[in-house]
C-alpha atoms as a PDB file:
ATOM      1  CA  MET A   1       8.518   1.279  10.277  1.00  0.00           C
ATOM      2  CA  ARG A   2       8.186   0.529   6.564  1.00  0.00           C
ATOM      3  CA  PRO A   3       5.477   1.933   4.336  1.00  0.00           C
ATOM      4  CA  PRO A   4       3.085  -0.553   2.772  1.00  0.00           C
ATOM      5  CA  LEU A   5       2.963  -1.386  -0.913  1.00  0.00           C
ATOM      6  CA  TYR A   6       0.046  -0.091  -2.962  1.00  0.00           C
ATOM      7  CA  PHE A   7      -1.980  -2.067  -5.478  1.00  0.00           C
ATOM      8  CA  THR A   8      -5.104  -1.617  -7.589  1.00  0.00           C
ATOM      9  CA  PRO A   9      -7.933  -4.170  -7.731  1.00  0.00           C
ATOM     10  CA  ASN A  10      -6.720  -5.117 -11.227  1.00  0.00           C
ATOM     11  CA  THR A  11      -3.137  -5.892 -10.205  1.00  0.00           C
ATOM     12  CA  LYS A  12      -2.219  -9.392 -11.332  1.00  0.00           C
ATOM     13  CA  MET A  13      -1.348 -11.978  -8.706  1.00  0.00           C
ATOM     14  CA  SER A  14       2.092 -12.459 -10.272  1.00  0.00           C
ATOM     15  CA  ALA A  15       2.857  -8.745  -9.812  1.00  0.00           C
ATOM     16  CA  VAL A  16       1.664  -8.857  -6.189  1.00  0.00           C
ATOM     17  CA  CYS A  17       3.850 -11.922  -5.507  1.00  0.00           C
ATOM     18  CA  HIS A  18       6.833 -10.232  -7.129  1.00  0.00           C
ATOM     19  CA  SER A  19       6.323  -7.087  -5.010  1.00  0.00           C
ATOM     20  CA  PHE A  20       6.052  -9.078  -1.792  1.00  0.00           C
ATOM     21  CA  SER A  21       9.046 -11.255  -2.675  1.00  0.00           C
ATOM     22  CA  SER A  22      11.288  -8.186  -2.644  1.00  0.00           C
ATOM     23  CA  GLY A  23      11.064  -8.400   1.159  1.00  0.00           C
ATOM     24  CA  TYR A  24      10.457  -4.664   1.466  1.00  0.00           C
ATOM     25  CA  SER A  25       7.012  -5.063   2.994  1.00  0.00           C
ATOM     26  CA  HIS A  26       4.471  -7.809   3.572  1.00  0.00           C
ATOM     27  CA  MET A  27       1.487  -5.485   3.707  1.00  0.00           C
ATOM     28  CA  GLY A  28      -0.273  -3.777   0.843  1.00  0.00           C
ATOM     29  CA  ILE A  29      -3.154  -1.374   0.450  1.00  0.00           C
ATOM     30  CA  VAL A  30      -5.604  -1.794  -2.395  1.00  0.00           C
ATOM     31  CA  CYS A  31      -6.493   1.571  -3.925  1.00  0.00           C
ATOM     32  CA  GLU A  32      -9.386   2.431  -6.204  1.00  0.00           C
ATOM     33  CA  ASN A  33      -7.161   3.414  -9.114  1.00  0.00           C
ATOM     34  CA  LYS A  34      -3.557   3.688 -10.243  1.00  0.00           C
ATOM     35  CA  ASP A  35      -3.372   7.451  -9.599  1.00  0.00           C
ATOM     36  CA  THR A  36      -4.251   6.926  -5.946  1.00  0.00           C
ATOM     37  CA  ALA A  37      -1.636   4.172  -5.604  1.00  0.00           C
ATOM     38  CA  GLN A  38       1.036   6.386  -7.181  1.00  0.00           C
ATOM     39  CA  TYR A  39       0.093   9.358  -4.958  1.00  0.00           C
ATOM     40  CA  LEU A  40       0.314   7.251  -1.796  1.00  0.00           C
ATOM     41  CA  ASN A  41       3.608   5.685  -2.891  1.00  0.00           C
ATOM     42  CA  ARG A  42       5.081   9.180  -3.202  1.00  0.00           C
ATOM     43  CA  ALA A  43       3.520  10.441   0.044  1.00  0.00           C
ATOM     44  CA  SER A  44       4.101   7.424   2.312  1.00  0.00           C
ATOM     45  CA  ASP A  45       7.664   8.306   3.348  1.00  0.00           C
ATOM     46  CA  ARG A  46       6.574  11.854   4.212  1.00  0.00           C
ATOM     47  CA  ILE A  47       3.577  10.575   6.186  1.00  0.00           C
ATOM     48  CA  ILE A  48       5.665   8.087   8.177  1.00  0.00           C
ATOM     49  CA  GLN A  49       8.310  10.718   8.947  1.00  0.00           C
ATOM     50  CA  SER A  50       5.568  13.076  10.165  1.00  0.00           C
ATOM     51  CA  LEU A  51       4.208  10.326  12.418  1.00  0.00           C
ATOM     52  CA  VAL A  52       7.675   9.687  13.860  1.00  0.00           C
ATOM     53  CA  ASP A  53       8.235  13.419  14.427  1.00  0.00           C
ATOM     54  CA  GLY A  54       4.822  13.750  16.079  1.00  0.00           C
ATOM     55  CA  ASP A  55       3.579  16.466  13.736  1.00  0.00           C
ATOM     56  CA  TYR A  56       1.371  14.449  11.399  1.00  0.00           C
ATOM     57  CA  CYS A  57      -1.528  16.358   9.933  1.00  0.00           C
ATOM     58  CA  TYR A  58      -4.269  14.221   8.411  1.00  0.00           C
ATOM     59  CA  ASP A  59      -4.026  14.032   4.608  1.00  0.00           C
ATOM     60  CA  ASN A  60      -7.343  14.641   2.914  1.00  0.00           C
ATOM     61  CA  LEU A  61      -7.818  11.421   0.975  1.00  0.00           C
ATOM     62  CA  GLU A  62     -11.419  12.194   0.073  1.00  0.00           C
ATOM     63  CA  ASP A  63     -10.708  11.824  -3.646  1.00  0.00           C
ATOM     64  CA  HIS A  64      -8.444   8.788  -3.088  1.00  0.00           C
ATOM     65  CA  GLU A  65     -10.662   5.890  -2.127  1.00  0.00           C
ATOM     66  CA  LEU A  66      -9.002   2.905  -0.475  1.00  0.00           C
ATOM     67  CA  LYS A  67     -10.543  -0.531  -1.053  1.00  0.00           C
ATOM     68  CA  GLY A  68      -8.797  -2.724   1.507  1.00  0.00           C
ATOM     69  CA  ILE A  69      -5.677  -4.339   2.883  1.00  0.00           C
ATOM     70  CA  LEU A  70      -3.700  -7.158   1.290  1.00  0.00           C
ATOM     71  CA  THR A  71      -1.073  -9.120   3.184  1.00  0.00           C
ATOM     72  CA  LEU A  72       1.425 -11.754   2.178  1.00  0.00           C
ATOM     73  CA  GLU A  73      -0.613 -14.216   4.231  1.00  0.00           C
ATOM     74  CA  ASN A  74      -3.693 -13.451   2.074  1.00  0.00           C
ATOM     75  CA  VAL A  75      -1.716 -14.174  -1.077  1.00  0.00           C
ATOM     76  CA  ILE A  76      -0.352 -17.474   0.266  1.00  0.00           C
ATOM     77  CA  GLU A  77      -3.853 -18.558   1.329  1.00  0.00           C
ATOM     78  CA  ARG A  78      -5.198 -17.698  -2.120  1.00  0.00           C
ATOM     79  CA  ILE A  79      -2.470 -19.716  -3.857  1.00  0.00           C
ATOM     80  CA  LEU A  80      -2.964 -22.745  -1.630  1.00  0.00           C
END
């Protein structure tokens, strides 16, 4: 399982395409601000490992609002 990529609503389409073209992940999460995206980027490996180990404890993301999901398919549809 790979963690998703994290973007802000202001991320340029060229940056999103570049991130997806790395092949690391084809799913992204749109976060309210850059601080939230950076926090989740740092925490995602720990969260996934906790899920695999079966001892995941819900992270309080109350101050870290998520706006939506962005996939490679969404980007391709937008371009075409």
